[in-house]
PDB file of N, CA and C in Angstrom:
ATOM      1  N   MET A   1      27.332 124.107  87.832  1.00  0.00           N
ATOM      2  CA  MET A   1      27.578 125.470  87.441  1.00  0.00           C
ATOM      3  C   MET A   1      28.135 126.247  88.630  1.00  0.00           C
ATOM      4  N   LYS A   2      29.051 127.148  88.359  1.00  0.00           N
ATOM      5  CA  LYS A   2      29.681 127.926  89.405  1.00  0.00           C
ATOM      6  C   LYS A   2      28.907 129.225  89.650  1.00  0.00           C
ATOM      7  N   LEU A   3      28.795 129.609  90.927  1.00  0.00           N
ATOM      8  CA  LEU A   3      28.139 130.858  91.269  1.00  0.00           C
ATOM      9  C   LEU A   3      29.085 132.028  91.028  1.00  0.00           C
ATOM     10  N   THR A   4      28.504 133.163  90.649  1.00  0.00           N
ATOM     11  CA  THR A   4      29.308 134.365  90.495  1.00  0.00           C
ATOM     12  C   THR A   4      29.649 134.899  91.889  1.00  0.00           C
ATOM     13  N   GLU A   5      30.564 135.855  91.918  1.00  0.00           N
ATOM     14  CA  GLU A   5      30.949 136.464  93.194  1.00  0.00           C
ATOM     15  C   GLU A   5      29.744 137.117  93.871  1.00  0.00           C
ATOM     16  N   ARG A   6      28.923 137.817  93.118  1.00  0.00           N
ATOM     17  CA  ARG A   6      27.736 138.482  93.670  1.00  0.00           C
ATOM     18  C   ARG A   6      26.720 137.453  94.161  1.00  0.00           C
ATOM     19  N   GLN A   7      26.534 136.379  93.423  1.00  0.00           N
ATOM     20  CA  GLN A   7      25.611 135.335  93.860  1.00  0.00           C
ATOM     21  C   GLN A   7      26.102 134.699  95.154  1.00  0.00           C
ATOM     22  N   THR A   8      27.393 134.464  95.240  1.00  0.00           N
ATOM     23  CA  THR A   8      27.972 133.896  96.455  1.00  0.00           C
ATOM     24  C   THR A   8      27.750 134.838  97.635  1.00  0.00           C
ATOM     25  N   GLU A   9      27.922 136.129  97.407  1.00  0.00           N
ATOM     26  CA  GLU A   9      27.702 137.128  98.453  1.00  0.00           C
ATOM     27  C   GLU A   9      26.258 137.083  98.949  1.00  0.00           C
ATOM     28  N   ARG A  10      25.318 137.053  98.037  1.00  0.00           N
ATOM     29  CA  ARG A  10      23.899 137.025  98.420  1.00  0.00           C
ATOM     30  C   ARG A  10      23.551 135.722  99.148  1.00  0.00           C
ATOM     31  N   LEU A  11      24.037 134.616  98.645  1.00  0.00           N
ATOM     32  CA  LEU A  11      23.751 133.326  99.266  1.00  0.00           C
ATOM     33  C   LEU A  11      24.375 133.240 100.657  1.00  0.00           C
ATOM     34  N   ALA A  12      25.563 133.772 100.832  1.00  0.00           N
ATOM     35  CA  ALA A  12      26.215 133.767 102.143  1.00  0.00           C
ATOM     36  C   ALA A  12      25.407 134.582 103.154  1.00  0.00           C
ATOM     37  N   LEU A  13      24.909 135.734 102.750  1.00  0.00           N
ATOM     38  CA  LEU A  13      24.068 136.538 103.637  1.00  0.00           C
ATOM     39  C   LEU A  13      22.797 135.785 104.000  1.00  0.00           C
ATOM     40  N   PHE A  14      22.190 135.189 103.009  1.00  0.00           N
ATOM     41  CA  PHE A  14      20.977 134.410 103.219  1.00  0.00           C
ATOM     42  C   PHE A  14      21.232 133.240 104.165  1.00  0.00           C
ATOM     43  N   ALA A  15      22.357 132.561 103.994  1.00  0.00           N
ATOM     44  CA  ALA A  15      22.665 131.363 104.771  1.00  0.00           C
ATOM     45  C   ALA A  15      22.874 131.657 106.256  1.00  0.00           C
ATOM     46  N   VAL A  16      23.279 132.876 106.587  1.00  0.00           N
ATOM     47  CA  VAL A  16      23.466 133.217 108.000  1.00  0.00           C
ATOM     48  C   VAL A  16      22.204 133.812 108.611  1.00  0.00           C
ATOM     49  N   GLY A  17      21.095 133.726 107.888  1.00  0.00           N
ATOM     50  CA  GLY A  17      19.813 134.106 108.454  1.00  0.00           C
ATOM     51  C   GLY A  17      19.250 135.443 108.027  1.00  0.00           C
ATOM     52  N   ALA A  18      19.910 136.127 107.109  1.00  0.00           N
ATOM     53  CA  ALA A  18      19.399 137.411 106.638  1.00  0.00           C
ATOM     54  C   ALA A  18      18.127 137.200 105.822  1.00  0.00           C
ATOM     55  N   THR A  19      17.152 138.053 106.052  1.00  0.00           N
ATOM     56  CA  THR A  19      15.919 138.007 105.266  1.00  0.00           C
ATOM     57  C   THR A  19      16.146 138.725 103.943  1.00  0.00           C
ATOM     58  N   ASN A  20      15.193 138.596 103.043  1.00  0.00           N
ATOM     59  CA  ASN A  20      15.289 139.319 101.773  1.00  0.00           C
ATOM     60  C   ASN A  20      15.399 140.818 102.030  1.00  0.00           C
ATOM     61  N   ASP A  21      14.619 141.325 102.999  1.00  0.00           N
ATOM     62  CA  ASP A  21      14.675 142.751 103.328  1.00  0.00           C
ATOM     63  C   ASP A  21      16.043 143.139 103.887  1.00  0.00           C
ATOM     64  N   ASP A  22      16.617 142.285 104.732  1.00  0.00           N
ATOM     65  CA  ASP A  22      17.957 142.550 105.282  1.00  0.00           C
ATOM     66  C   ASP A  22      18.995 142.642 104.164  1.00  0.00           C
ATOM     67  N   ILE A  23      18.938 141.677 103.250  1.00  0.00           N
ATOM     68  CA  ILE A  23      19.887 141.649 102.138  1.00  0.00           C
ATOM     69  C   ILE A  23      19.699 142.881 101.255  1.00  0.00           C
ATOM     70  N   ALA A  24      18.442 143.222 100.992  1.00  0.00           N
ATOM     71  CA  ALA A  24      18.147 144.394 100.159  1.00  0.00           C
ATOM     72  C   ALA A  24      18.707 145.664 100.791  1.00  0.00           C
ATOM     73  N   ASP A  25      18.499 145.836 102.086  1.00  0.00           N
ATOM     74  CA  ASP A  25      19.010 147.023 102.775  1.00  0.00           C
ATOM     75  C   ASP A  25      20.532 147.069 102.735  1.00  0.00           C
ATOM     76  N   ARG A  26      21.155 145.944 102.979  1.00  0.00           N
ATOM     77  CA  ARG A  26      22.622 145.899 103.011  1.00  0.00           C
ATOM     78  C   ARG A  26      23.241 146.188 101.645  1.00  0.00           C
ATOM     79  N   LEU A  27      22.601 145.695 100.576  1.00  0.00           N
ATOM     80  CA  LEU A  27      23.155 145.839  99.232  1.00  0.00           C
ATOM     81  C   LEU A  27      22.548 147.003  98.443  1.00  0.00           C
ATOM     82  N   CYS A  28      21.620 147.737  99.076  1.00  0.00           N
ATOM     83  CA  CYS A  28      20.962 148.883  98.427  1.00  0.00           C
ATOM     84  C   CYS A  28      20.247 148.485  97.134  1.00  0.00           C
ATOM     85  N   ILE A  29      19.507 147.384  97.214  1.00  0.00           N
ATOM     86  CA  ILE A  29      18.675 146.931  96.098  1.00  0.00           C
ATOM     87  C   ILE A  29      17.285 146.641  96.655  1.00  0.00           C
ATOM     88  N   SER A  30      16.324 146.412  95.786  1.00  0.00           N
ATOM     89  CA  SER A  30      14.962 146.163  96.266  1.00  0.00           C
ATOM     90  C   SER A  30      14.801 144.710  96.720  1.00  0.00           C
ATOM     91  N   PRO A  31      13.868 144.477  97.661  1.00  0.00           N
ATOM     92  CA  PRO A  31      13.599 143.095  98.088  1.00  0.00           C
ATOM     93  C   PRO A  31      13.173 142.205  96.919  1.00  0.00           C
ATOM     94  N   TYR A  32      12.471 142.781  95.944  1.00  0.00           N
ATOM     95  CA  TYR A  32      12.062 142.012  94.777  1.00  0.00           C
ATOM     96  C   TYR A  32      13.290 141.540  93.994  1.00  0.00           C
ATOM     97  N   THR A  33      14.288 142.397  93.877  1.00  0.00           N
ATOM     98  CA  THR A  33      15.526 142.027  93.182  1.00  0.00           C
ATOM     99  C   THR A  33      16.223 140.894  93.920  1.00  0.00           C
ATOM    100  N   VAL A  34      16.245 140.978  95.244  1.00  0.00           N
ATOM    101  CA  VAL A  34      16.842 139.899  96.053  1.00  0.00           C
ATOM    102  C   VAL A  34      16.105 138.593  95.791  1.00  0.00           C
ATOM    103  N   LYS A  35      14.784 138.643  95.781  1.00  0.00           N
ATOM    104  CA  LYS A  35      13.984 137.440  95.543  1.00  0.00           C
ATOM    105  C   LYS A  35      14.311 136.839  94.177  1.00  0.00           C
ATOM    106  N   THR A  36      14.431 137.678  93.172  1.00  0.00           N
ATOM    107  CA  THR A  36      14.763 137.215  91.825  1.00  0.00           C
ATOM    108  C   THR A  36      16.151 136.577  91.802  1.00  0.00           C
ATOM    109  N   HIS A  37      17.115 137.225  92.449  1.00  0.00           N
ATOM    110  CA  HIS A  37      18.473 136.689  92.476  1.00  0.00           C
ATOM    111  C   HIS A  37      18.509 135.345  93.193  1.00  0.00           C
ATOM    112  N   LEU A  38      17.810 135.252  94.327  1.00  0.00           N
ATOM    113  CA  LEU A  38      17.806 133.985  95.058  1.00  0.00           C
ATOM    114  C   LEU A  38      17.154 132.880  94.238  1.00  0.00           C
ATOM    115  N   TYR A  39      16.092 133.207  93.523  1.00  0.00           N
ATOM    116  CA  TYR A  39      15.446 132.214  92.660  1.00  0.00           C
ATOM    117  C   TYR A  39      16.441 131.681  91.626  1.00  0.00           C
ATOM    118  N   LYS A  40      17.203 132.584  91.022  1.00  0.00           N
ATOM    119  CA  LYS A  40      18.195 132.167  90.024  1.00  0.00           C
ATOM    120  C   LYS A  40      19.296 131.321  90.654  1.00  0.00           C
ATOM    121  N   ILE A  41      19.687 131.680  91.875  1.00  0.00           N
ATOM    122  CA  ILE A  41      20.697 130.891  92.593  1.00  0.00           C
ATOM    123  C   ILE A  41      20.161 129.497  92.881  1.00  0.00           C
ATOM    124  N   PHE A  42      18.909 129.406  93.341  1.00  0.00           N
ATOM    125  CA  PHE A  42      18.308 128.098  93.636  1.00  0.00           C
ATOM    126  C   PHE A  42      18.327 127.217  92.393  1.00  0.00           C
ATOM    127  N   LYS A  43      18.006 127.801  91.257  1.00  0.00           N
ATOM    128  CA  LYS A  43      18.021 127.040  90.000  1.00  0.00           C
ATOM    129  C   LYS A  43      19.445 126.587  89.661  1.00  0.00           C
ATOM    130  N   LYS A  44      20.406 127.469  89.872  1.00  0.00           N
ATOM    131  CA  LYS A  44      21.789 127.184  89.515  1.00  0.00           C
ATOM    132  C   LYS A  44      22.373 126.064  90.377  1.00  0.00           C
ATOM    133  N   ILE A  45      22.023 126.051  91.674  1.00  0.00           N
ATOM    134  CA  ILE A  45      22.572 125.027  92.575  1.00  0.00           C
ATOM    135  C   ILE A  45      21.625 123.834  92.712  1.00  0.00           C
ATOM    136  N   ASN A  46      20.503 123.905  91.977  1.00  0.00           N
ATOM    137  CA  ASN A  46      19.551 122.798  91.904  1.00  0.00           C
ATOM    138  C   ASN A  46      18.940 122.431  93.260  1.00  0.00           C
ATOM    139  N   VAL A  47      18.385 123.453  93.940  1.00  0.00           N
ATOM    140  CA  VAL A  47      17.662 123.217  95.190  1.00  0.00           C
ATOM    141  C   VAL A  47      16.260 123.791  95.062  1.00  0.00           C
ATOM    142  N   PRO A  48      15.275 123.196  95.767  1.00  0.00           N
ATOM    143  CA  PRO A  48      13.890 123.634  95.612  1.00  0.00           C
ATOM    144  C   PRO A  48      13.439 124.746  96.553  1.00  0.00           C
ATOM    145  N   ASN A  49      14.201 125.008  97.623  1.00  0.00           N
ATOM    146  CA  ASN A  49      13.707 125.970  98.606  1.00  0.00           C
ATOM    147  C   ASN A  49      14.836 126.590  99.429  1.00  0.00           C
ATOM    148  N   ARG A  50      14.451 127.503 100.325  1.00  0.00           N
ATOM    149  CA  ARG A  50      15.411 128.251 101.133  1.00  0.00           C
ATOM    150  C   ARG A  50      16.196 127.348 102.080  1.00  0.00           C
ATOM    151  N   VAL A  51      15.520 126.368 102.662  1.00  0.00           N
ATOM    152  CA  VAL A  51      16.197 125.463 103.603  1.00  0.00           C
ATOM    153  C   VAL A  51      17.301 124.692 102.892  1.00  0.00           C
ATOM    154  N   GLN A  52      16.975 124.141 101.749  1.00  0.00           N
ATOM    155  CA  GLN A  52      17.962 123.380 100.991  1.00  0.00           C
ATOM    156  C   GLN A  52      19.101 124.281 100.513  1.00  0.00           C
ATOM    157  N   ALA A  53      18.788 125.515 100.160  1.00  0.00           N
ATOM    158  CA  ALA A  53      19.830 126.446  99.736  1.00  0.00           C
ATOM    159  C   ALA A  53      20.769 126.763 100.898  1.00  0.00           C
ATOM    160  N   ALA A  54      20.224 126.946 102.085  1.00  0.00           N
ATOM    161  CA  ALA A  54      21.059 127.205 103.263  1.00  0.00           C
ATOM    162  C   ALA A  54      21.949 126.008 103.569  1.00  0.00           C
ATOM    163  N   LEU A  55      21.421 124.805 103.451  1.00  0.00           N
ATOM    164  CA  LEU A  55      22.220 123.608 103.670  1.00  0.00           C
ATOM    165  C   LEU A  55      23.324 123.489 102.616  1.00  0.00           C
ATOM    166  N   TRP A  56      22.982 123.773 101.368  1.00  0.00           N
ATOM    167  CA  TRP A  56      23.978 123.745 100.300  1.00  0.00           C
ATOM    168  C   TRP A  56      25.088 124.739 100.598  1.00  0.00           C
ATOM    169  N   ALA A  57      24.707 125.940 101.014  1.00  0.00           N
ATOM    170  CA  ALA A  57      25.690 126.984 101.319  1.00  0.00           C
ATOM    171  C   ALA A  57      26.604 126.564 102.463  1.00  0.00           C
ATOM    172  N   ALA A  58      26.046 125.926 103.489  1.00  0.00           N
ATOM    173  CA  ALA A  58      26.849 125.494 104.628  1.00  0.00           C
ATOM    174  C   ALA A  58      27.907 124.480 104.196  1.00  0.00           C
ATOM    175  N   LYS A  59      27.590 123.652 103.233  1.00  0.00           N
ATOM    176  CA  LYS A  59      28.526 122.642 102.755  1.00  0.00           C
ATOM    177  C   LYS A  59      29.529 123.187 101.731  1.00  0.00           C
ATOM    178  N   ASN A  60      29.111 124.163 100.942  1.00  0.00           N
ATOM    179  CA  ASN A  60      29.903 124.549  99.764  1.00  0.00           C
ATOM    180  C   ASN A  60      30.522 125.940  99.783  1.00  0.00           C
ATOM    181  N   LEU A  61      30.180 126.762 100.735  1.00  0.00           N
ATOM    182  CA  LEU A  61      30.764 128.114 100.753  1.00  0.00           C
ATOM    183  C   LEU A  61      31.851 128.210 101.795  1.00  0.00           C
TER     184      LEU A  61
END
């Protein structure tokens, strides 16, 4: 499945070390919303955790 532009943006921020709070501040959304979005991204790219998501992003973004 392909990530949306917004999902790619969030994953790219996450992959360079931004915390949920950092992403929330930058995008003017709540940290809970960031957590929900990242969970959906993890499901979409079929990874179990943040480390695997960062590795996936490094290879695919």
